[in-house]
Every structure is written in C-alpha cells, then in structure tokens.
C-alpha cells in the first residue's frame, strides 16, 4: 500500500539525516512535508 511505502521512505530518510547530524536538512525535509500536506488540503 502507498501509506506503507511513504512511511518507510520518510522513516529511512529521517534516520539517515539524524545519523549524519544534518539537522538543518532534517528540518528542511520535515518542513517540506508539512507545507505539502497543508497546501494540498488548501487546494
């Protein structure tokens, strides 16, 4: 299912960024997801 694919890819990406201590890019990716969800709801 699509929700499983999304959960796995997001989880792996966030774990990778945490491991790399790339906190700026981690915050960027979380922000992209939040804006995407809110924007899609508005539209």
ModelCIF file with pLDDT and N, C-alpha, C, O atoms, coordinates in Angstrom:
data_MODEL
#
_entry.id   MODEL 
#
_entity.id                         1 
_entity.type                       polymer 
_entity.pdbx_number_of_molecules   1 
#
_entity_poly.entity_id                      1 
_entity_poly.type                           'polypeptide(L)' 
_entity_poly.nstd_linkage                   no 
_entity_poly.nstd_monomer                   no 
_entity_poly.pdbx_seq_one_letter_code       
;(UNK)(UNK)(UNK)(UNK)(UNK)(UNK)(UNK)(UNK)(UNK)(UNK)(UNK)(UNK)(UNK)(UNK)(UNK)(UNK)
(UNK)(UNK)(UNK)(UNK)(UNK)(UNK)(UNK)(UNK)(UNK)(UNK)(UNK)(UNK)(UNK)(UNK)(UNK)(UNK)
(UNK)(UNK)(UNK)(UNK)(UNK)(UNK)(UNK)(UNK)(UNK)(UNK)(UNK)
;
_entity_poly.pdbx_seq_one_letter_code_can   XXXXXXXXXXXXXXXXXXXXXXXXXXXXXXXXXXXXXXXXXXX 
_entity_poly.pdbx_strand_id                 A 
#
loop_
_entity_poly_seq.entity_id 
_entity_poly_seq.num 
_entity_poly_seq.mon_id 
_entity_poly_seq.hetero 
1 1  UNK n 
1 2  UNK n 
1 3  UNK n 
1 4  UNK n 
1 5  UNK n 
1 6  UNK n 
1 7  UNK n 
1 8  UNK n 
1 9  UNK n 
1 10 UNK n 
1 11 UNK n 
1 12 UNK n 
1 13 UNK n 
1 14 UNK n 
1 15 UNK n 
1 16 UNK n 
1 17 UNK n 
1 18 UNK n 
1 19 UNK n 
1 20 UNK n 
1 21 UNK n 
1 22 UNK n 
1 23 UNK n 
1 24 UNK n 
1 25 UNK n 
1 26 UNK n 
1 27 UNK n 
1 28 UNK n 
1 29 UNK n 
1 30 UNK n 
1 31 UNK n 
1 32 UNK n 
1 33 UNK n 
1 34 UNK n 
1 35 UNK n 
1 36 UNK n 
1 37 UNK n 
1 38 UNK n 
1 39 UNK n 
1 40 UNK n 
1 41 UNK n 
1 42 UNK n 
1 43 UNK n 
#
_struct_asym.id          A 
_struct_asym.entity_id   1 
#
loop_
_ma_qa_metric.id 
_ma_qa_metric.mode 
_ma_qa_metric.name 
_ma_qa_metric.software_group_id 
_ma_qa_metric.type 
1 global pLDDT . pLDDT 
2 local  pLDDT . pLDDT 
#
_ma_qa_metric_global.metric_id      1 
_ma_qa_metric_global.metric_value   94.19 
_ma_qa_metric_global.model_id       1 
_ma_qa_metric_global.ordinal_id     1 
#
loop_
_ma_qa_metric_local.label_asym_id 
_ma_qa_metric_local.label_comp_id 
_ma_qa_metric_local.label_seq_id 
_ma_qa_metric_local.metric_id 
_ma_qa_metric_local.metric_value 
_ma_qa_metric_local.model_id 
_ma_qa_metric_local.ordinal_id 
A UNK 1  2 91.00 1 1  
A UNK 2  2 89.00 1 2  
A UNK 3  2 91.00 1 3  
A UNK 4  2 93.00 1 4  
A UNK 5  2 91.00 1 5  
A UNK 6  2 93.00 1 6  
A UNK 7  2 95.00 1 7  
A UNK 8  2 94.00 1 8  
A UNK 9  2 93.00 1 9  
A UNK 10 2 95.00 1 10 
A UNK 11 2 95.00 1 11 
A UNK 12 2 95.00 1 12 
A UNK 13 2 93.00 1 13 
A UNK 14 2 94.00 1 14 
A UNK 15 2 96.00 1 15 
A UNK 16 2 94.00 1 16 
A UNK 17 2 93.00 1 17 
A UNK 18 2 94.00 1 18 
A UNK 19 2 94.00 1 19 
A UNK 20 2 92.00 1 20 
A UNK 21 2 91.00 1 21 
A UNK 22 2 93.00 1 22 
A UNK 23 2 93.00 1 23 
A UNK 24 2 93.00 1 24 
A UNK 25 2 94.00 1 25 
A UNK 26 2 95.00 1 26 
A UNK 27 2 95.00 1 27 
A UNK 28 2 96.00 1 28 
A UNK 29 2 96.00 1 29 
A UNK 30 2 97.00 1 30 
A UNK 31 2 97.00 1 31 
A UNK 32 2 97.00 1 32 
A UNK 33 2 97.00 1 33 
A UNK 34 2 97.00 1 34 
A UNK 35 2 97.00 1 35 
A UNK 36 2 97.00 1 36 
A UNK 37 2 96.00 1 37 
A UNK 38 2 96.00 1 38 
A UNK 39 2 96.00 1 39 
A UNK 40 2 94.00 1 40 
A UNK 41 2 94.00 1 41 
A UNK 42 2 93.00 1 42 
A UNK 43 2 91.00 1 43 
#
loop_
_atom_site.group_PDB 
_atom_site.id 
_atom_site.type_symbol 
_atom_site.label_atom_id 
_atom_site.label_alt_id 
_atom_site.label_comp_id 
_atom_site.label_asym_id 
_atom_site.label_entity_id 
_atom_site.label_seq_id 
_atom_site.pdbx_PDB_ins_code 
_atom_site.Cartn_x 
_atom_site.Cartn_y 
_atom_site.Cartn_z 
_atom_site.occupancy 
_atom_site.B_iso_or_equiv 
_atom_site.pdbx_formal_charge 
_atom_site.auth_seq_id 
_atom_site.auth_comp_id 
_atom_site.auth_asym_id 
_atom_site.auth_atom_id 
_atom_site.pdbx_PDB_model_num 
ATOM 1   N N  . UNK A 1 1  ? 0.826  -1.217 0.000  1.00 91.00 ? 1  UNK A N  1 
ATOM 2   C CA . UNK A 1 1  ? 0.000  0.000  0.000  1.00 91.00 ? 1  UNK A CA 1 
ATOM 3   C C  . UNK A 1 1  ? 0.856  1.261  0.000  1.00 91.00 ? 1  UNK A C  1 
ATOM 4   O O  . UNK A 1 1  ? 1.995  1.263  0.466  1.00 91.00 ? 1  UNK A O  1 
ATOM 5   N N  . UNK A 1 2  ? 0.278  2.328  -0.534 1.00 89.00 ? 2  UNK A N  1 
ATOM 6   C CA . UNK A 1 2  ? 1.008  3.590  -0.656 1.00 89.00 ? 2  UNK A CA 1 
ATOM 7   C C  . UNK A 1 2  ? 1.452  4.126  0.698  1.00 89.00 ? 2  UNK A C  1 
ATOM 8   O O  . UNK A 1 2  ? 2.553  4.663  0.819  1.00 89.00 ? 2  UNK A O  1 
ATOM 9   N N  . UNK A 1 3  ? 0.599  3.985  1.730  1.00 91.00 ? 3  UNK A N  1 
ATOM 10  C CA . UNK A 1 3  ? 0.958  4.554  3.028  1.00 91.00 ? 3  UNK A CA 1 
ATOM 11  C C  . UNK A 1 3  ? 2.170  3.843  3.632  1.00 91.00 ? 3  UNK A C  1 
ATOM 12  O O  . UNK A 1 3  ? 2.958  4.459  4.350  1.00 91.00 ? 3  UNK A O  1 
ATOM 13  N N  . UNK A 1 4  ? 2.319  2.548  3.342  1.00 93.00 ? 4  UNK A N  1 
ATOM 14  C CA . UNK A 1 4  ? 3.480  1.817  3.854  1.00 93.00 ? 4  UNK A CA 1 
ATOM 15  C C  . UNK A 1 4  ? 4.754  2.308  3.161  1.00 93.00 ? 4  UNK A C  1 
ATOM 16  O O  . UNK A 1 4  ? 5.771  2.537  3.815  1.00 93.00 ? 4  UNK A O  1 
ATOM 17  N N  . UNK A 1 5  ? 4.694  2.468  1.839  1.00 91.00 ? 5  UNK A N  1 
ATOM 18  C CA . UNK A 1 5  ? 5.856  2.969  1.093  1.00 91.00 ? 5  UNK A CA 1 
ATOM 19  C C  . UNK A 1 5  ? 6.270  4.340  1.615  1.00 91.00 ? 5  UNK A C  1 
ATOM 20  O O  . UNK A 1 5  ? 7.453  4.590  1.849  1.00 91.00 ? 5  UNK A O  1 
ATOM 21  N N  . UNK A 1 6  ? 5.289  5.232  1.798  1.00 93.00 ? 6  UNK A N  1 
ATOM 22  C CA . UNK A 1 6  ? 5.586  6.579  2.278  1.00 93.00 ? 6  UNK A CA 1 
ATOM 23  C C  . UNK A 1 6  ? 6.202  6.541  3.673  1.00 93.00 ? 6  UNK A C  1 
ATOM 24  O O  . UNK A 1 6  ? 7.183  7.236  3.937  1.00 93.00 ? 6  UNK A O  1 
ATOM 25  N N  . UNK A 1 7  ? 5.633  5.733  4.565  1.00 95.00 ? 7  UNK A N  1 
ATOM 26  C CA . UNK A 1 7  ? 6.146  5.665  5.933  1.00 95.00 ? 7  UNK A CA 1 
ATOM 27  C C  . UNK A 1 7  ? 7.579  5.144  5.960  1.00 95.00 ? 7  UNK A C  1 
ATOM 28  O O  . UNK A 1 7  ? 8.414  5.651  6.709  1.00 95.00 ? 7  UNK A O  1 
ATOM 29  N N  . UNK A 1 8  ? 7.863  4.133  5.144  1.00 94.00 ? 8  UNK A N  1 
ATOM 30  C CA . UNK A 1 8  ? 9.204  3.552  5.124  1.00 94.00 ? 8  UNK A CA 1 
ATOM 31  C C  . UNK A 1 8  ? 10.218 4.548  4.561  1.00 94.00 ? 8  UNK A C  1 
ATOM 32  O O  . UNK A 1 8  ? 11.287 4.736  5.143  1.00 94.00 ? 8  UNK A O  1 
ATOM 33  N N  . UNK A 1 9  ? 9.896  5.182  3.442  1.00 93.00 ? 9  UNK A N  1 
ATOM 34  C CA . UNK A 1 9  ? 10.848 6.110  2.821  1.00 93.00 ? 9  UNK A CA 1 
ATOM 35  C C  . UNK A 1 9  ? 11.106 7.322  3.715  1.00 93.00 ? 9  UNK A C  1 
ATOM 36  O O  . UNK A 1 9  ? 12.250 7.750  3.868  1.00 93.00 ? 9  UNK A O  1 
ATOM 37  N N  . UNK A 1 10 ? 10.045 7.874  4.303  1.00 95.00 ? 10 UNK A N  1 
ATOM 38  C CA . UNK A 1 10 ? 10.230 9.018  5.195  1.00 95.00 ? 10 UNK A CA 1 
ATOM 39  C C  . UNK A 1 10 ? 11.042 8.607  6.416  1.00 95.00 ? 10 UNK A C  1 
ATOM 40  O O  . UNK A 1 10 ? 11.951 9.327  6.829  1.00 95.00 ? 10 UNK A O  1 
ATOM 41  N N  . UNK A 1 11 ? 10.717 7.450  6.996  1.00 95.00 ? 11 UNK A N  1 
ATOM 42  C CA . UNK A 1 11 ? 11.443 6.984  8.173  1.00 95.00 ? 11 UNK A CA 1 
ATOM 43  C C  . UNK A 1 11 ? 12.920 6.775  7.899  1.00 95.00 ? 11 UNK A C  1 
ATOM 44  O O  . UNK A 1 11 ? 13.765 7.194  8.690  1.00 95.00 ? 11 UNK A O  1 
ATOM 45  N N  . UNK A 1 12 ? 13.239 6.127  6.778  1.00 95.00 ? 12 UNK A N  1 
ATOM 46  C CA . UNK A 1 12 ? 14.644 5.883  6.433  1.00 95.00 ? 12 UNK A CA 1 
ATOM 47  C C  . UNK A 1 12 ? 15.386 7.201  6.217  1.00 95.00 ? 12 UNK A C  1 
ATOM 48  O O  . UNK A 1 12 ? 16.516 7.365  6.676  1.00 95.00 ? 12 UNK A O  1 
ATOM 49  N N  . UNK A 1 13 ? 14.748 8.135  5.518  1.00 93.00 ? 13 UNK A N  1 
ATOM 50  C CA . UNK A 1 13 ? 15.394 9.410  5.247  1.00 93.00 ? 13 UNK A CA 1 
ATOM 51  C C  . UNK A 1 13 ? 15.666 10.184 6.538  1.00 93.00 ? 13 UNK A C  1 
ATOM 52  O O  . UNK A 1 13 ? 16.746 10.750 6.707  1.00 93.00 ? 13 UNK A O  1 
ATOM 53  N N  . UNK A 1 14 ? 14.692 10.209 7.443  1.00 94.00 ? 14 UNK A N  1 
ATOM 54  C CA . UNK A 1 14 ? 14.876 10.941 8.694  1.00 94.00 ? 14 UNK A CA 1 
ATOM 55  C C  . UNK A 1 14 ? 15.951 10.289 9.560  1.00 94.00 ? 14 UNK A C  1 
ATOM 56  O O  . UNK A 1 14 ? 16.737 10.990 10.198 1.00 94.00 ? 14 UNK A O  1 
ATOM 57  N N  . UNK A 1 15 ? 15.994 8.956  9.591  1.00 96.00 ? 15 UNK A N  1 
ATOM 58  C CA . UNK A 1 15 ? 17.038 8.275  10.350 1.00 96.00 ? 15 UNK A CA 1 
ATOM 59  C C  . UNK A 1 15 ? 18.424 8.566  9.767  1.00 96.00 ? 15 UNK A C  1 
ATOM 60  O O  . UNK A 1 15 ? 19.391 8.753  10.505 1.00 96.00 ? 15 UNK A O  1 
ATOM 61  N N  . UNK A 1 16 ? 18.505 8.600  8.436  1.00 94.00 ? 16 UNK A N  1 
ATOM 62  C CA . UNK A 1 16 ? 19.802 8.909  7.790  1.00 94.00 ? 16 UNK A CA 1 
ATOM 63  C C  . UNK A 1 16 ? 20.277 10.302 8.153  1.00 94.00 ? 16 UNK A C  1 
ATOM 64  O O  . UNK A 1 16 ? 21.450 10.498 8.470  1.00 94.00 ? 16 UNK A O  1 
ATOM 65  N N  . UNK A 1 17 ? 19.369 11.277 8.110  1.00 93.00 ? 17 UNK A N  1 
ATOM 66  C CA . UNK A 1 17 ? 19.745 12.652 8.424  1.00 93.00 ? 17 UNK A CA 1 
ATOM 67  C C  . UNK A 1 17 ? 20.101 12.811 9.893  1.00 93.00 ? 17 UNK A C  1 
ATOM 68  O O  . UNK A 1 17 ? 21.002 13.576 10.238 1.00 93.00 ? 17 UNK A O  1 
ATOM 69  N N  . UNK A 1 18 ? 19.397 12.092 10.757 1.00 94.00 ? 18 UNK A N  1 
ATOM 70  C CA . UNK A 1 18 ? 19.755 12.124 12.177 1.00 94.00 ? 18 UNK A CA 1 
ATOM 71  C C  . UNK A 1 18 ? 21.145 11.537 12.394 1.00 94.00 ? 18 UNK A C  1 
ATOM 72  O O  . UNK A 1 18 ? 21.951 12.094 13.138 1.00 94.00 ? 18 UNK A O  1 
ATOM 73  N N  . UNK A 1 19 ? 21.421 10.411 11.743 1.00 94.00 ? 19 UNK A N  1 
ATOM 74  C CA . UNK A 1 19 ? 22.725 9.786  11.877 1.00 94.00 ? 19 UNK A CA 1 
ATOM 75  C C  . UNK A 1 19 ? 23.851 10.659 11.362 1.00 94.00 ? 19 UNK A C  1 
ATOM 76  O O  . UNK A 1 19 ? 24.951 10.654 11.913 1.00 94.00 ? 19 UNK A O  1 
ATOM 77  N N  . UNK A 1 20 ? 23.578 11.409 10.307 1.00 92.00 ? 20 UNK A N  1 
ATOM 78  C CA . UNK A 1 20 ? 24.591 12.306 9.741  1.00 92.00 ? 20 UNK A CA 1 
ATOM 79  C C  . UNK A 1 20 ? 24.688 13.623 10.505 1.00 92.00 ? 20 UNK A C  1 
ATOM 80  O O  . UNK A 1 20 ? 25.532 14.465 10.197 1.00 92.00 ? 20 UNK A O  1 
ATOM 81  N N  . UNK A 1 21 ? 23.808 13.800 11.517 1.00 91.00 ? 21 UNK A N  1 
ATOM 82  C CA . UNK A 1 21 ? 23.731 15.054 12.277 1.00 91.00 ? 21 UNK A CA 1 
ATOM 83  C C  . UNK A 1 21 ? 23.492 16.248 11.349 1.00 91.00 ? 21 UNK A C  1 
ATOM 84  O O  . UNK A 1 21 ? 23.965 17.358 11.596 1.00 91.00 ? 21 UNK A O  1 
ATOM 85  N N  . UNK A 1 22 ? 22.746 15.984 10.277 1.00 93.00 ? 22 UNK A N  1 
ATOM 86  C CA . UNK A 1 22 ? 22.396 17.049 9.320  1.00 93.00 ? 22 UNK A CA 1 
ATOM 87  C C  . UNK A 1 22 ? 21.065 17.660 9.750  1.00 93.00 ? 22 UNK A C  1 
ATOM 88  O O  . UNK A 1 22 ? 20.043 17.476 9.089  1.00 93.00 ? 22 UNK A O  1 
ATOM 89  N N  . UNK A 1 23 ? 21.091 18.385 10.858 1.00 93.00 ? 23 UNK A N  1 
ATOM 90  C CA . UNK A 1 23 ? 19.856 18.867 11.462 1.00 93.00 ? 23 UNK A CA 1 
ATOM 91  C C  . UNK A 1 23 ? 19.155 19.906 10.596 1.00 93.00 ? 23 UNK A C  1 
ATOM 92  O O  . UNK A 1 23 ? 17.926 19.980 10.587 1.00 93.00 ? 23 UNK A O  1 
ATOM 93  N N  . UNK A 1 24 ? 19.917 20.699 9.878  1.00 93.00 ? 24 UNK A N  1 
ATOM 94  C CA . UNK A 1 24 ? 19.308 21.700 9.005  1.00 93.00 ? 24 UNK A CA 1 
ATOM 95  C C  . UNK A 1 24 ? 18.492 21.047 7.890  1.00 93.00 ? 24 UNK A C  1 
ATOM 96  O O  . UNK A 1 24 ? 17.360 21.454 7.628  1.00 93.00 ? 24 UNK A O  1 
ATOM 97  N N  . UNK A 1 25 ? 19.061 20.039 7.237  1.00 94.00 ? 25 UNK A N  1 
ATOM 98  C CA . UNK A 1 25 ? 18.362 19.361 6.152  1.00 94.00 ? 25 UNK A CA 1 
ATOM 99  C C  . UNK A 1 25 ? 17.221 18.513 6.706  1.00 94.00 ? 25 UNK A C  1 
ATOM 100 O O  . UNK A 1 25 ? 16.203 18.334 6.038  1.00 94.00 ? 25 UNK A O  1 
ATOM 101 N N  . UNK A 1 26 ? 17.384 17.989 7.923  1.00 95.00 ? 26 UNK A N  1 
ATOM 102 C CA . UNK A 1 26 ? 16.297 17.262 8.573  1.00 95.00 ? 26 UNK A CA 1 
ATOM 103 C C  . UNK A 1 26 ? 15.096 18.181 8.783  1.00 95.00 ? 26 UNK A C  1 
ATOM 104 O O  . UNK A 1 26 ? 13.959 17.807 8.495  1.00 95.00 ? 26 UNK A O  1 
ATOM 105 N N  . UNK A 1 27 ? 15.360 19.389 9.289  1.00 95.00 ? 27 UNK A N  1 
ATOM 106 C CA . UNK A 1 27 ? 14.285 20.360 9.481  1.00 95.00 ? 27 UNK A CA 1 
ATOM 107 C C  . UNK A 1 27 ? 13.677 20.769 8.144  1.00 95.00 ? 27 UNK A C  1 
ATOM 108 O O  . UNK A 1 27 ? 12.470 20.988 8.042  1.00 95.00 ? 27 UNK A O  1 
ATOM 109 N N  . UNK A 1 28 ? 14.528 20.872 7.113  1.00 96.00 ? 28 UNK A N  1 
ATOM 110 C CA . UNK A 1 28 ? 14.038 21.228 5.782  1.00 96.00 ? 28 UNK A CA 1 
ATOM 111 C C  . UNK A 1 28 ? 13.063 20.169 5.264  1.00 96.00 ? 28 UNK A C  1 
ATOM 112 O O  . UNK A 1 28 ? 11.997 20.509 4.752  1.00 96.00 ? 28 UNK A O  1 
ATOM 113 N N  . UNK A 1 29 ? 13.418 18.899 5.393  1.00 96.00 ? 29 UNK A N  1 
ATOM 114 C CA . UNK A 1 29 ? 12.548 17.835 4.878  1.00 96.00 ? 29 UNK A CA 1 
ATOM 115 C C  . UNK A 1 29 ? 11.226 17.788 5.646  1.00 96.00 ? 29 UNK A C  1 
ATOM 116 O O  . UNK A 1 29 ? 10.165 17.624 5.043  1.00 96.00 ? 29 UNK A O  1 
ATOM 117 N N  . UNK A 1 30 ? 11.282 17.930 6.956  1.00 97.00 ? 30 UNK A N  1 
ATOM 118 C CA . UNK A 1 30 ? 10.043 17.958 7.736  1.00 97.00 ? 30 UNK A CA 1 
ATOM 119 C C  . UNK A 1 30 ? 9.175  19.132 7.300  1.00 97.00 ? 30 UNK A C  1 
ATOM 120 O O  . UNK A 1 30 ? 7.957  19.000 7.173  1.00 97.00 ? 30 UNK A O  1 
ATOM 121 N N  . UNK A 1 31 ? 9.809  20.285 7.070  1.00 97.00 ? 31 UNK A N  1 
ATOM 122 C CA . UNK A 1 31 ? 9.067  21.460 6.614  1.00 97.00 ? 31 UNK A CA 1 
ATOM 123 C C  . UNK A 1 31 ? 8.429  21.245 5.255  1.00 97.00 ? 31 UNK A C  1 
ATOM 124 O O  . UNK A 1 31 ? 7.295  21.666 5.025  1.00 97.00 ? 31 UNK A O  1 
ATOM 125 N N  . UNK A 1 32 ? 9.152  20.590 4.347  1.00 97.00 ? 32 UNK A N  1 
ATOM 126 C CA . UNK A 1 32 ? 8.608  20.299 3.015  1.00 97.00 ? 32 UNK A CA 1 
ATOM 127 C C  . UNK A 1 32 ? 7.362  19.425 3.138  1.00 97.00 ? 32 UNK A C  1 
ATOM 128 O O  . UNK A 1 32 ? 6.367  19.667 2.454  1.00 97.00 ? 32 UNK A O  1 
ATOM 129 N N  . UNK A 1 33 ? 7.408  18.422 3.997  1.00 97.00 ? 33 UNK A N  1 
ATOM 130 C CA . UNK A 1 33 ? 6.256  17.531 4.172  1.00 97.00 ? 33 UNK A CA 1 
ATOM 131 C C  . UNK A 1 33 ? 5.072  18.292 4.748  1.00 97.00 ? 33 UNK A C  1 
ATOM 132 O O  . UNK A 1 33 ? 3.944  18.120 4.287  1.00 97.00 ? 33 UNK A O  1 
ATOM 133 N N  . UNK A 1 34 ? 5.314  19.131 5.750  1.00 97.00 ? 34 UNK A N  1 
ATOM 134 C CA . UNK A 1 34 ? 4.230  19.899 6.377  1.00 97.00 ? 34 UNK A CA 1 
ATOM 135 C C  . UNK A 1 34 ? 3.587  20.848 5.373  1.00 97.00 ? 34 UNK A C  1 
ATOM 136 O O  . UNK A 1 34 ? 2.362  20.912 5.275  1.00 97.00 ? 34 UNK A O  1 
ATOM 137 N N  . UNK A 1 35 ? 4.409  21.583 4.630  1.00 97.00 ? 35 UNK A N  1 
ATOM 138 C CA . UNK A 1 35 ? 3.872  22.519 3.635  1.00 97.00 ? 35 UNK A CA 1 
ATOM 139 C C  . UNK A 1 35 ? 3.110  21.768 2.549  1.00 97.00 ? 35 UNK A C  1 
ATOM 140 O O  . UNK A 1 35 ? 2.069  22.235 2.087  1.00 97.00 ? 35 UNK A O  1 
ATOM 141 N N  . UNK A 1 36 ? 3.624  20.600 2.136  1.00 97.00 ? 36 UNK A N  1 
ATOM 142 C CA . UNK A 1 36 ? 2.939  19.797 1.116  1.00 97.00 ? 36 UNK A CA 1 
ATOM 143 C C  . UNK A 1 36 ? 1.549  19.382 1.585  1.00 97.00 ? 36 UNK A C  1 
ATOM 144 O O  . UNK A 1 36 ? 0.584  19.479 0.827  1.00 97.00 ? 36 UNK A O  1 
ATOM 145 N N  . UNK A 1 37 ? 1.442  18.921 2.823  1.00 96.00 ? 37 UNK A N  1 
ATOM 146 C CA . UNK A 1 37 ? 0.154  18.452 3.346  1.00 96.00 ? 37 UNK A CA 1 
ATOM 147 C C  . UNK A 1 37 ? -0.820 19.616 3.503  1.00 96.00 ? 37 UNK A C  1 
ATOM 148 O O  . UNK A 1 37 ? -1.975 19.521 3.088  1.00 96.00 ? 37 UNK A O  1 
ATOM 149 N N  . UNK A 1 38 ? -0.358 20.713 4.099  1.00 96.00 ? 38 UNK A N  1 
ATOM 150 C CA . UNK A 1 38 ? -1.243 21.870 4.290  1.00 96.00 ? 38 UNK A CA 1 
ATOM 151 C C  . UNK A 1 38 ? -1.658 22.457 2.945  1.00 96.00 ? 38 UNK A C  1 
ATOM 152 O O  . UNK A 1 38 ? -2.826 22.790 2.744  1.00 96.00 ? 38 UNK A O  1 
ATOM 153 N N  . UNK A 1 39 ? -0.701 22.585 2.021  1.00 96.00 ? 39 UNK A N  1 
ATOM 154 C CA . UNK A 1 39 ? -1.021 23.124 0.707  1.00 96.00 ? 39 UNK A CA 1 
ATOM 155 C C  . UNK A 1 39 ? -2.001 22.248 -0.055 1.00 96.00 ? 39 UNK A C  1 
ATOM 156 O O  . UNK A 1 39 ? -2.917 22.756 -0.701 1.00 96.00 ? 39 UNK A O  1 
ATOM 157 N N  . UNK A 1 40 ? -1.813 20.937 0.015  1.00 94.00 ? 40 UNK A N  1 
ATOM 158 C CA . UNK A 1 40 ? -2.746 20.017 -0.654 1.00 94.00 ? 40 UNK A CA 1 
ATOM 159 C C  . UNK A 1 40 ? -4.142 20.141 -0.070 1.00 94.00 ? 40 UNK A C  1 
ATOM 160 O O  . UNK A 1 40 ? -5.133 20.071 -0.797 1.00 94.00 ? 40 UNK A O  1 
ATOM 161 N N  . UNK A 1 41 ? -4.222 20.325 1.251  1.00 94.00 ? 41 UNK A N  1 
ATOM 162 C CA . UNK A 1 41 ? -5.539 20.488 1.880  1.00 94.00 ? 41 UNK A CA 1 
ATOM 163 C C  . UNK A 1 41 ? -6.206 21.773 1.414  1.00 94.00 ? 41 UNK A C  1 
ATOM 164 O O  . UNK A 1 41 ? -7.409 21.788 1.154  1.00 94.00 ? 41 UNK A O  1 
ATOM 165 N N  . UNK A 1 42 ? -5.437 22.847 1.308  1.00 93.00 ? 42 UNK A N  1 
ATOM 166 C CA . UNK A 1 42 ? -5.982 24.122 0.831  1.00 93.00 ? 42 UNK A CA 1 
ATOM 167 C C  . UNK A 1 42 ? -6.503 23.984 -0.589 1.00 93.00 ? 42 UNK A C  1 
ATOM 168 O O  . UNK A 1 42 ? -7.510 24.599 -0.941 1.00 93.00 ? 42 UNK A O  1 
ATOM 169 N N  . UNK A 1 43 ? -5.832 23.188 -1.407 1.00 91.00 ? 43 UNK A N  1 
ATOM 170 C CA . UNK A 1 43 ? -6.210 23.027 -2.808 1.00 91.00 ? 43 UNK A CA 1 
ATOM 171 C C  . UNK A 1 43 ? -7.240 21.920 -3.021 1.00 91.00 ? 43 UNK A C  1 
ATOM 172 O O  . UNK A 1 43 ? -7.652 21.671 -4.154 1.00 91.00 ? 43 UNK A O  1 
#
